[in-house]
C-alpha cells in the first residue's frame, strides 16, 4: 500500500490473509520526497514501480524492490502543479498532466 502524506511517501507491507490482527509494517519511508504536497500516486501495471506527482511541478518514479543506495528518479519541467502522472499500458512511457491556469 502506498500513502502520500503531504510531502512524504510511505510504503507499507500488507498483512497476510489471516483472520487475526496484524499491523501494517512500513516497507519504505521517504520523508521529504517532494518539495510540496503529493497530488497523485500511480502504480505500474506490473506493480513494480510507483509514480508520485506533486504541486511542486515534479514527479518521481520509485522502485518497490529494496535496492541498496537506490534513489528514486526525479522528473522536472512542468511550471505548474502536476495533476496526474500515469504509466502507458505497456509500462514503457509515462504521461504527466499539469495545471495550465491557477
C-alpha atoms as a PDB file:
ATOM      1  CA  UNK A   1       0.000   0.000   0.000  1.00  0.00           C
ATOM      2  CA  UNK A   2       1.290   3.468  -0.878  1.00  0.00           C
ATOM      3  CA  UNK A   3       0.258   6.571   1.062  1.00  0.00           C
ATOM      4  CA  UNK A   4       1.127  10.187   0.287  1.00  0.00           C
ATOM      5  CA  UNK A   5       1.216  12.344   3.434  1.00  0.00           C
ATOM      6  CA  UNK A   6       1.868  15.948   2.415  1.00  0.00           C
ATOM      7  CA  UNK A   7       5.469  15.785   1.051  1.00  0.00           C
ATOM      8  CA  UNK A   8       6.206  12.232   2.254  1.00  0.00           C
ATOM      9  CA  UNK A   9       5.655   8.833   0.641  1.00  0.00           C
ATOM     10  CA  UNK A  10       5.117   5.798   2.837  1.00  0.00           C
ATOM     11  CA  UNK A  11       5.002   2.260   1.510  1.00  0.00           C
ATOM     12  CA  UNK A  12       3.520  -0.451   3.704  1.00  0.00           C
ATOM     13  CA  UNK A  13       3.633  -4.228   3.540  1.00  0.00           C
ATOM     14  CA  UNK A  14       0.160  -5.670   3.657  1.00  0.00           C
ATOM     15  CA  UNK A  15      -0.552  -8.305   6.319  1.00  0.00           C
ATOM     16  CA  UNK A  16      -1.011 -11.918   5.374  1.00  0.00           C
ATOM     17  CA  UNK A  17      -4.506 -13.194   4.690  1.00  0.00           C
ATOM     18  CA  UNK A  18      -5.265 -14.350   8.230  1.00  0.00           C
ATOM     19  CA  UNK A  19      -8.300 -13.717  10.359  1.00  0.00           C
ATOM     20  CA  UNK A  20      -6.239 -12.333  13.204  1.00  0.00           C
ATOM     21  CA  UNK A  21      -4.971  -8.804  13.739  1.00  0.00           C
ATOM     22  CA  UNK A  22      -1.658  -7.866  12.134  1.00  0.00           C
ATOM     23  CA  UNK A  23      -0.408  -4.297  11.952  1.00  0.00           C
ATOM     24  CA  UNK A  24       0.810  -2.726   8.720  1.00  0.00           C
ATOM     25  CA  UNK A  25       4.597  -2.745   8.512  1.00  0.00           C
ATOM     26  CA  UNK A  26       6.484   0.143   6.948  1.00  0.00           C
ATOM     27  CA  UNK A  27       8.360  -1.120   3.890  1.00  0.00           C
ATOM     28  CA  UNK A  28       9.900   2.224   2.837  1.00  0.00           C
ATOM     29  CA  UNK A  29       9.531   5.741   4.202  1.00  0.00           C
ATOM     30  CA  UNK A  30      10.595   8.773   2.161  1.00  0.00           C
ATOM     31  CA  UNK A  31      10.093  11.759   4.476  1.00  0.00           C
ATOM     32  CA  UNK A  32      10.903  14.660   2.098  1.00  0.00           C
ATOM     33  CA  UNK A  33      10.009  13.024  -1.202  1.00  0.00           C
ATOM     34  CA  UNK A  34       8.710  16.268  -2.786  1.00  0.00           C
ATOM     35  CA  UNK A  35       9.018  19.982  -2.018  1.00  0.00           C
ATOM     36  CA  UNK A  36       5.229  20.400  -1.914  1.00  0.00           C
ATOM     37  CA  UNK A  37       2.183  18.169  -1.338  1.00  0.00           C
ATOM     38  CA  UNK A  38       1.778  14.927  -3.295  1.00  0.00           C
ATOM     39  CA  UNK A  39      -1.212  15.173  -5.647  1.00  0.00           C
ATOM     40  CA  UNK A  40      -1.341  11.649  -7.085  1.00  0.00           C
ATOM     41  CA  UNK A  41       0.086   8.143  -6.760  1.00  0.00           C
ATOM     42  CA  UNK A  42       0.023   5.681  -9.669  1.00  0.00           C
ATOM     43  CA  UNK A  43       1.147   2.043  -9.737  1.00  0.00           C
ATOM     44  CA  UNK A  44       2.713   0.459 -12.828  1.00  0.00           C
ATOM     45  CA  UNK A  45       0.741  -2.381 -14.437  1.00  0.00           C
ATOM     46  CA  UNK A  46       3.210  -4.963 -13.071  1.00  0.00           C
ATOM     47  CA  UNK A  47       3.183  -3.348  -9.580  1.00  0.00           C
ATOM     48  CA  UNK A  48       6.964  -2.891  -9.562  1.00  0.00           C
ATOM     49  CA  UNK A  49       7.033   0.913  -9.724  1.00  0.00           C
ATOM     50  CA  UNK A  50       5.118   3.869  -8.306  1.00  0.00           C
ATOM     51  CA  UNK A  51       4.878   7.386  -9.713  1.00  0.00           C
ATOM     52  CA  UNK A  52       4.135  10.244  -7.351  1.00  0.00           C
ATOM     53  CA  UNK A  53       3.233  13.674  -8.692  1.00  0.00           C
ATOM     54  CA  UNK A  54       3.303  16.891  -6.725  1.00  0.00           C
ATOM     55  CA  UNK A  55       2.198  20.500  -6.508  1.00  0.00           C
ATOM     56  CA  UNK A  56       5.896  21.429  -6.887  1.00  0.00           C
ATOM     57  CA  UNK A  57       5.723  20.567 -10.626  1.00  0.00           C
ATOM     58  CA  UNK A  58       7.762  17.362 -10.354  1.00  0.00           C
ATOM     59  CA  UNK A  59       7.081  13.651 -10.366  1.00  0.00           C
ATOM     60  CA  UNK A  60       9.177  10.734  -9.125  1.00  0.00           C
ATOM     61  CA  UNK A  61       9.449   7.071 -10.000  1.00  0.00           C
ATOM     62  CA  UNK A  62      10.025   4.753  -7.080  1.00  0.00           C
ATOM     63  CA  UNK A  63      11.178   1.125  -7.413  1.00  0.00           C
ATOM     64  CA  UNK A  64       9.424  -1.200  -4.965  1.00  0.00           C
ATOM     65  CA  UNK A  65      12.361  -3.581  -4.652  1.00  0.00           C
ATOM     66  CA  UNK A  66      14.727  -2.975  -1.761  1.00  0.00           C
ATOM     67  CA  UNK A  67      17.886  -1.971  -3.617  1.00  0.00           C
ATOM     68  CA  UNK A  68      20.869  -0.656  -1.677  1.00  0.00           C
ATOM     69  CA  UNK A  69      21.503   3.082  -2.254  1.00  0.00           C
ATOM     70  CA  UNK A  70      18.554   3.364  -4.670  1.00  0.00           C
ATOM     71  CA  UNK A  71      17.440   6.961  -5.233  1.00  0.00           C
ATOM     72  CA  UNK A  72      14.044   7.470  -6.928  1.00  0.00           C
ATOM     73  CA  UNK A  73      14.255   9.329 -10.250  1.00  0.00           C
ATOM     74  CA  UNK A  74      13.066  12.946 -10.221  1.00  0.00           C
ATOM     75  CA  UNK A  75      11.455  14.445 -13.335  1.00  0.00           C
ATOM     76  CA  UNK A  76      11.103  18.210 -13.714  1.00  0.00           C
ATOM     77  CA  UNK A  77       9.953  20.572 -16.451  1.00  0.00           C
ATOM     78  CA  UNK A  78       6.385  21.476 -15.552  1.00  0.00           C
ATOM     79  CA  UNK A  79       5.824  25.065 -14.459  1.00  0.00           C
ATOM     80  CA  UNK A  80       2.595  24.354 -12.547  1.00  0.00           C
ATOM     81  CA  UNK A  81       1.438  21.627 -10.193  1.00  0.00           C
ATOM     82  CA  UNK A  82       1.086  18.172 -11.693  1.00  0.00           C
ATOM     83  CA  UNK A  83      -2.442  16.843 -11.576  1.00  0.00           C
ATOM     84  CA  UNK A  84      -1.650  13.307 -12.710  1.00  0.00           C
ATOM     85  CA  UNK A  85       1.183  11.122 -13.966  1.00  0.00           C
ATOM     86  CA  UNK A  86       0.473   7.650 -15.325  1.00  0.00           C
ATOM     87  CA  UNK A  87       2.215   4.715 -16.988  1.00  0.00           C
ATOM     88  CA  UNK A  88       1.313   3.652 -20.518  1.00  0.00           C
ATOM     89  CA  UNK A  89      -0.376   0.268 -20.932  1.00  0.00           C
ATOM     90  CA  UNK A  90       2.970  -1.377 -21.797  1.00  0.00           C
ATOM     91  CA  UNK A  91       4.876   0.401 -18.946  1.00  0.00           C
ATOM     92  CA  UNK A  92       7.309   1.845 -21.500  1.00  0.00           C
ATOM     93  CA  UNK A  93       6.237   5.516 -21.225  1.00  0.00           C
ATOM     94  CA  UNK A  94       4.994   7.947 -18.623  1.00  0.00           C
ATOM     95  CA  UNK A  95       2.458  10.685 -19.274  1.00  0.00           C
ATOM     96  CA  UNK A  96       2.165  13.697 -16.979  1.00  0.00           C
ATOM     97  CA  UNK A  97      -0.520  16.373 -16.880  1.00  0.00           C
ATOM     98  CA  UNK A  98      -0.082  19.741 -15.207  1.00  0.00           C
ATOM     99  CA  UNK A  99      -2.499  22.518 -14.423  1.00  0.00           C
ATOM    100  CA  UNK A 100      -2.416  25.259 -17.061  1.00  0.00           C
ATOM    101  CA  UNK A 101      -4.032  28.169 -15.205  1.00  0.00           C
ATOM    102  CA  UNK A 102      -4.358  28.791 -11.492  1.00  0.00           C
END
